[in-house]
Amino acid sequence: SGNHRKSLVQALEASLNRLRTDYVDLYLVHAWDFTVPVEELMRALDDAVRAGKVIHVGISNAPAWVVSRANTLAELRGWTPFVNVQVEYSLVQREPERELLPMARDLGIGITAYSPLGAGWLAGERGADPDARPPEGASRLSRIGTEADQRNARIATEVHRLAEEVDRPVSHVALA
């Protein structure tokens, strides 16, 4: 486990074998682990690109300062920079708007959002009840604290109201 070279090489090889392919278009580091030097990670990613196993690299769930530092280092050393940042982003999770989205815009990095329906809050499955149980098979993202549930319920209530007003599915309104 971890972001060190050995784990990255092993995980990439396992993915290539599982996918029965020689390369992937975009390889995402799942999360910044705060233990591996950014130089080691970026060099390992660059080696994978130079070996032809990866076309582009990105990172998920990393602070803006890590991505900026990594891309500055890559630029200075002639290594492959991150071209994509994956973030949890929806009407109930707007934290990326503070630093990650402006950073990505400024550095020309693409954004991939996950959980765009707020772990079910904005899918119309739960309604707006903060005590509603997550749908069967829901992700760990839907199991959060009471204060957040109440906040999410208020947002979901408004999205439901707007959906009824414009006669559209709740999920369509939430994504729009």
C-alpha atoms as a PDB file:
ATOM      1  CA  SER A   1       0.000   0.000   0.000  1.00  0.00           C
ATOM      2  CA  GLY A   2       1.018   3.629  -0.161  1.00  0.00           C
ATOM      3  CA  ASN A   3       2.225   5.931  -2.904  1.00  0.00           C
ATOM      4  CA  HIS A   4       5.795   4.686  -3.069  1.00  0.00           C
ATOM      5  CA  ARG A   5       7.363   3.421  -6.312  1.00  0.00           C
ATOM      6  CA  LYS A   6       7.035  -0.302  -5.529  1.00  0.00           C
ATOM      7  CA  SER A   7       3.286  -0.035  -4.800  1.00  0.00           C
ATOM      8  CA  LEU A   8       2.695   2.114  -7.867  1.00  0.00           C
ATOM      9  CA  VAL A   9       4.510  -0.327 -10.177  1.00  0.00           C
ATOM     10  CA  GLN A  10       2.731  -3.349  -8.690  1.00  0.00           C
ATOM     11  CA  ALA A  11      -0.702  -1.709  -8.825  1.00  0.00           C
ATOM     12  CA  LEU A  12      -0.177  -0.547 -12.396  1.00  0.00           C
ATOM     13  CA  GLU A  13       0.982  -3.995 -13.544  1.00  0.00           C
ATOM     14  CA  ALA A  14      -2.007  -5.626 -11.826  1.00  0.00           C
ATOM     15  CA  SER A  15      -4.379  -3.162 -13.521  1.00  0.00           C
ATOM     16  CA  LEU A  16      -2.831  -3.744 -16.939  1.00  0.00           C
ATOM     17  CA  ASN A  17      -3.129  -7.522 -16.478  1.00  0.00           C
ATOM     18  CA  ARG A  18      -6.728  -7.253 -15.257  1.00  0.00           C
ATOM     19  CA  LEU A  19      -7.649  -4.995 -18.187  1.00  0.00           C
ATOM     20  CA  ARG A  20      -5.681  -7.155 -20.647  1.00  0.00           C
ATOM     21  CA  THR A  21      -3.972  -4.125 -22.160  1.00  0.00           C
ATOM     22  CA  ASP A  22      -0.468  -2.724 -22.539  1.00  0.00           C
ATOM     23  CA  TYR A  23      -1.278   0.797 -21.373  1.00  0.00           C
ATOM     24  CA  VAL A  24      -3.918   3.031 -19.817  1.00  0.00           C
ATOM     25  CA  ASP A  25      -4.885   6.487 -21.005  1.00  0.00           C
ATOM     26  CA  LEU A  26      -5.198   7.984 -17.516  1.00  0.00           C
ATOM     27  CA  TYR A  27      -3.622   6.569 -14.368  1.00  0.00           C
ATOM     28  CA  LEU A  28      -4.898   8.117 -11.134  1.00  0.00           C
ATOM     29  CA  VAL A  29      -3.051   8.001  -7.837  1.00  0.00           C
ATOM     30  CA  HIS A  30      -5.957   7.203  -5.533  1.00  0.00           C
ATOM     31  CA  ALA A  31      -5.054   9.520  -2.653  1.00  0.00           C
ATOM     32  CA  TRP A  32      -2.110  11.465  -1.312  1.00  0.00           C
ATOM     33  CA  ASP A  33      -0.754   9.496   1.650  1.00  0.00           C
ATOM     34  CA  PHE A  34       1.492  12.175   3.234  1.00  0.00           C
ATOM     35  CA  THR A  35       4.356   9.674   3.681  1.00  0.00           C
ATOM     36  CA  VAL A  36       6.050   9.412   0.283  1.00  0.00           C
ATOM     37  CA  PRO A  37       8.144  12.330  -0.979  1.00  0.00           C
ATOM     38  CA  VAL A  38       6.464  14.018  -3.926  1.00  0.00           C
ATOM     39  CA  GLU A  39       9.716  13.581  -5.898  1.00  0.00           C
ATOM     40  CA  GLU A  40       9.477   9.786  -5.596  1.00  0.00           C
ATOM     41  CA  LEU A  41       5.854   9.722  -6.689  1.00  0.00           C
ATOM     42  CA  MET A  42       6.315  12.025  -9.665  1.00  0.00           C
ATOM     43  CA  ARG A  43       9.455  10.232 -10.835  1.00  0.00           C
ATOM     44  CA  ALA A  44       7.695   6.848 -10.624  1.00  0.00           C
ATOM     45  CA  LEU A  45       4.748   8.210 -12.609  1.00  0.00           C
ATOM     46  CA  ASP A  46       7.083   9.727 -15.192  1.00  0.00           C
ATOM     47  CA  ASP A  47       8.884   6.377 -15.540  1.00  0.00           C
ATOM     48  CA  ALA A  48       5.522   4.670 -16.199  1.00  0.00           C
ATOM     49  CA  VAL A  49       4.756   7.239 -18.899  1.00  0.00           C
ATOM     50  CA  ARG A  50       8.202   6.883 -20.487  1.00  0.00           C
ATOM     51  CA  ALA A  51       7.785   3.084 -20.452  1.00  0.00           C
ATOM     52  CA  GLY A  52       4.601   3.525 -22.512  1.00  0.00           C
ATOM     53  CA  LYS A  53       2.350   1.998 -19.859  1.00  0.00           C
ATOM     54  CA  VAL A  54       0.542   5.256 -19.083  1.00  0.00           C
ATOM     55  CA  ILE A  55      -0.385   8.190 -21.329  1.00  0.00           C
ATOM     56  CA  HIS A  56      -1.509  10.728 -18.693  1.00  0.00           C
ATOM     57  CA  VAL A  57      -1.411  10.877 -14.886  1.00  0.00           C
ATOM     58  CA  GLY A  58      -3.744  12.328 -12.304  1.00  0.00           C
ATOM     59  CA  ILE A  59      -4.489  12.232  -8.599  1.00  0.00           C
ATOM     60  CA  SER A  60      -7.599  11.831  -6.482  1.00  0.00           C
ATOM     61  CA  ASN A  61      -8.304  13.337  -3.074  1.00  0.00           C
ATOM     62  CA  ALA A  62      -5.161  15.425  -2.744  1.00  0.00           C
ATOM     63  CA  PRO A  63      -4.770  18.946  -1.365  1.00  0.00           C
ATOM     64  CA  ALA A  64      -4.200  21.728  -3.884  1.00  0.00           C
ATOM     65  CA  TRP A  65      -0.756  22.462  -2.443  1.00  0.00           C
ATOM     66  CA  VAL A  66       0.367  18.875  -3.171  1.00  0.00           C
ATOM     67  CA  VAL A  67      -0.825  19.008  -6.779  1.00  0.00           C
ATOM     68  CA  SER A  68       0.758  22.436  -7.319  1.00  0.00           C
ATOM     69  CA  ARG A  69       4.044  21.339  -5.779  1.00  0.00           C
ATOM     70  CA  ALA A  70       4.071  18.102  -7.782  1.00  0.00           C
ATOM     71  CA  ASN A  71       3.407  19.882 -11.071  1.00  0.00           C
ATOM     72  CA  THR A  72       6.011  22.554 -10.348  1.00  0.00           C
ATOM     73  CA  LEU A  73       8.560  19.825  -9.644  1.00  0.00           C
ATOM     74  CA  ALA A  74       7.552  17.977 -12.823  1.00  0.00           C
ATOM     75  CA  GLU A  75       7.918  21.172 -14.853  1.00  0.00           C
ATOM     76  CA  LEU A  76      11.357  21.935 -13.405  1.00  0.00           C
ATOM     77  CA  ARG A  77      12.653  18.381 -13.962  1.00  0.00           C
ATOM     78  CA  GLY A  78      10.995  17.674 -17.305  1.00  0.00           C
ATOM     79  CA  TRP A  79       8.740  14.981 -15.832  1.00  0.00           C
ATOM     80  CA  THR A  80       5.118  14.196 -16.620  1.00  0.00           C
ATOM     81  CA  PRO A  81       2.729  16.505 -14.695  1.00  0.00           C
ATOM     82  CA  PHE A  82      -0.712  15.721 -13.345  1.00  0.00           C
ATOM     83  CA  VAL A  83      -3.329  16.521 -15.994  1.00  0.00           C
ATOM     84  CA  ASN A  84      -6.349  15.478 -13.924  1.00  0.00           C
ATOM     85  CA  VAL A  85      -7.586  15.871 -10.361  1.00  0.00           C
ATOM     86  CA  GLN A  86     -10.486  13.749  -9.133  1.00  0.00           C
ATOM     87  CA  VAL A  87     -12.599  15.348  -6.396  1.00  0.00           C
ATOM     88  CA  GLU A  88     -15.821  14.676  -4.538  1.00  0.00           C
ATOM     89  CA  TYR A  89     -18.060  17.457  -5.822  1.00  0.00           C
ATOM     90  CA  SER A  90     -21.800  18.087  -5.640  1.00  0.00           C
ATOM     91  CA  LEU A  91     -24.308  20.503  -4.154  1.00  0.00           C
ATOM     92  CA  VAL A  92     -23.702  18.899  -0.752  1.00  0.00           C
ATOM     93  CA  GLN A  93     -19.897  18.837  -1.125  1.00  0.00           C
ATOM     94  CA  ARG A  94     -18.607  22.131  -2.483  1.00  0.00           C
ATOM     95  CA  GLU A  95     -15.255  22.264  -0.660  1.00  0.00           C
ATOM     96  CA  PRO A  96     -13.267  21.894  -3.940  1.00  0.00           C
ATOM     97  CA  GLU A  97     -14.493  25.373  -4.945  1.00  0.00           C
ATOM     98  CA  ARG A  98     -12.146  26.966  -2.397  1.00  0.00           C
ATOM     99  CA  GLU A  99      -8.770  25.767  -3.676  1.00  0.00           C
ATOM    100  CA  LEU A 100      -8.862  22.748  -5.983  1.00  0.00           C
ATOM    101  CA  LEU A 101     -11.076  24.123  -8.755  1.00  0.00           C
ATOM    102  CA  PRO A 102      -9.295  27.507  -8.962  1.00  0.00           C
ATOM    103  CA  MET A 103      -5.921  25.734  -8.929  1.00  0.00           C
ATOM    104  CA  ALA A 104      -7.004  23.372 -11.690  1.00  0.00           C
ATOM    105  CA  ARG A 105      -8.339  26.250 -13.778  1.00  0.00           C
ATOM    106  CA  ASP A 106      -5.127  28.241 -13.364  1.00  0.00           C
ATOM    107  CA  LEU A 107      -2.816  25.291 -14.093  1.00  0.00           C
ATOM    108  CA  GLY A 108      -4.902  23.854 -16.939  1.00  0.00           C
ATOM    109  CA  ILE A 109      -5.654  20.623 -15.087  1.00  0.00           C
ATOM    110  CA  GLY A 110      -8.838  18.672 -15.820  1.00  0.00           C
ATOM    111  CA  ILE A 111     -11.330  17.857 -13.088  1.00  0.00           C
ATOM    112  CA  THR A 112     -13.216  14.603 -12.684  1.00  0.00           C
ATOM    113  CA  ALA A 113     -16.023  14.775 -10.132  1.00  0.00           C
ATOM    114  CA  TYR A 114     -17.166  11.760  -8.183  1.00  0.00           C
ATOM    115  CA  SER A 115     -20.323  11.404  -6.114  1.00  0.00           C
ATOM    116  CA  PRO A 116     -22.087  14.160  -8.113  1.00  0.00           C
ATOM    117  CA  LEU A 117     -25.381  13.205  -6.494  1.00  0.00           C
ATOM    118  CA  GLY A 118     -24.019  13.612  -2.982  1.00  0.00           C
ATOM    119  CA  ALA A 119     -23.988   9.926  -1.990  1.00  0.00           C
ATOM    120  CA  GLY A 120     -27.689   9.629  -2.807  1.00  0.00           C
ATOM    121  CA  TRP A 121     -28.895  12.847  -1.175  1.00  0.00           C
ATOM    122  CA  LEU A 122     -29.530  14.450  -4.550  1.00  0.00           C
ATOM    123  CA  ALA A 123     -30.691  11.349  -6.420  1.00  0.00           C
ATOM    124  CA  GLY A 124     -34.214  11.507  -5.084  1.00  0.00           C
ATOM    125  CA  GLU A 125     -33.740   8.146  -3.327  1.00  0.00           C
ATOM    126  CA  ARG A 126     -33.764   9.422   0.264  1.00  0.00           C
ATOM    127  CA  GLY A 127     -36.075  12.336  -0.040  1.00  0.00           C
ATOM    128  CA  ALA A 128     -34.989  15.091   2.291  1.00  0.00           C
ATOM    129  CA  ASP A 129     -35.197  13.146   5.550  1.00  0.00           C
ATOM    130  CA  PRO A 130     -31.942  13.427   7.565  1.00  0.00           C
ATOM    131  CA  ASP A 131     -32.880  10.209   9.383  1.00  0.00           C
ATOM    132  CA  ALA A 132     -33.441   8.226   6.196  1.00  0.00           C
ATOM    133  CA  ARG A 133     -31.247   5.187   5.819  1.00  0.00           C
ATOM    134  CA  PRO A 134     -28.904   5.003   2.821  1.00  0.00           C
ATOM    135  CA  PRO A 135     -30.176   2.912  -0.090  1.00  0.00           C
ATOM    136  CA  GLU A 136     -29.064  -0.733  -0.180  1.00  0.00           C
ATOM    137  CA  GLY A 137     -25.505  -0.942  -1.464  1.00  0.00           C
ATOM    138  CA  ALA A 138     -24.824   2.771  -0.894  1.00  0.00           C
ATOM    139  CA  SER A 139     -21.216   3.826  -0.602  1.00  0.00           C
ATOM    140  CA  ARG A 140     -19.397   4.736   2.587  1.00  0.00           C
ATOM    141  CA  LEU A 141     -19.852   8.381   1.551  1.00  0.00           C
ATOM    142  CA  SER A 142     -23.511   8.189   2.529  1.00  0.00           C
ATOM    143  CA  ARG A 143     -22.711   7.268   6.136  1.00  0.00           C
ATOM    144  CA  ILE A 144     -21.814  10.604   7.634  1.00  0.00           C
ATOM    145  CA  GLY A 145     -22.510  12.569  10.805  1.00  0.00           C
ATOM    146  CA  THR A 146     -25.797  13.983  12.021  1.00  0.00           C
ATOM    147  CA  GLU A 147     -24.856  17.642  11.518  1.00  0.00           C
ATOM    148  CA  ALA A 148     -23.849  16.961   7.924  1.00  0.00           C
ATOM    149  CA  ASP A 149     -27.028  14.919   7.422  1.00  0.00           C
ATOM    150  CA  GLN A 150     -29.167  17.855   8.553  1.00  0.00           C
ATOM    151  CA  ARG A 151     -27.297  20.220   6.244  1.00  0.00           C
ATOM    152  CA  ASN A 152     -27.605  17.769   3.363  1.00  0.00           C
ATOM    153  CA  ALA A 153     -31.317  17.325   4.095  1.00  0.00           C
ATOM    154  CA  ARG A 154     -31.860  21.110   3.839  1.00  0.00           C
ATOM    155  CA  ILE A 155     -30.042  21.178   0.488  1.00  0.00           C
ATOM    156  CA  ALA A 156     -31.947  18.104  -0.733  1.00  0.00           C
ATOM    157  CA  THR A 157     -35.253  19.702   0.304  1.00  0.00           C
ATOM    158  CA  GLU A 158     -34.512  22.732  -1.840  1.00  0.00           C
ATOM    159  CA  VAL A 159     -33.431  20.582  -4.792  1.00  0.00           C
ATOM    160  CA  HIS A 160     -36.644  18.535  -4.456  1.00  0.00           C
ATOM    161  CA  ARG A 161     -38.689  21.749  -4.389  1.00  0.00           C
ATOM    162  CA  LEU A 162     -36.959  23.054  -7.518  1.00  0.00           C
ATOM    163  CA  ALA A 163     -37.390  19.703  -9.281  1.00  0.00           C
ATOM    164  CA  GLU A 164     -41.133  19.776  -8.639  1.00  0.00           C
ATOM    165  CA  GLU A 165     -41.302  23.395  -9.787  1.00  0.00           C
ATOM    166  CA  VAL A 166     -39.660  22.641 -13.143  1.00  0.00           C
ATOM    167  CA  ASP A 167     -41.169  19.132 -13.425  1.00  0.00           C
ATOM    168  CA  ARG A 168     -37.814  17.373 -13.783  1.00  0.00           C
ATOM    169  CA  PRO A 169     -36.205  14.453 -11.946  1.00  0.00           C
ATOM    170  CA  VAL A 170     -34.383  15.469  -8.774  1.00  0.00           C
ATOM    171  CA  SER A 171     -31.092  14.087 -10.087  1.00  0.00           C
ATOM    172  CA  HIS A 172     -31.318  16.202 -13.258  1.00  0.00           C
ATOM    173  CA  VAL A 173     -31.814  19.371 -11.236  1.00  0.00           C
ATOM    174  CA  ALA A 174     -28.975  18.481  -8.862  1.00  0.00           C
ATOM    175  CA  LEU A 175     -26.548  17.892 -11.714  1.00  0.00           C
ATOM    176  CA  ALA A 176     -27.603  21.016 -13.575  1.00  0.00           C
END
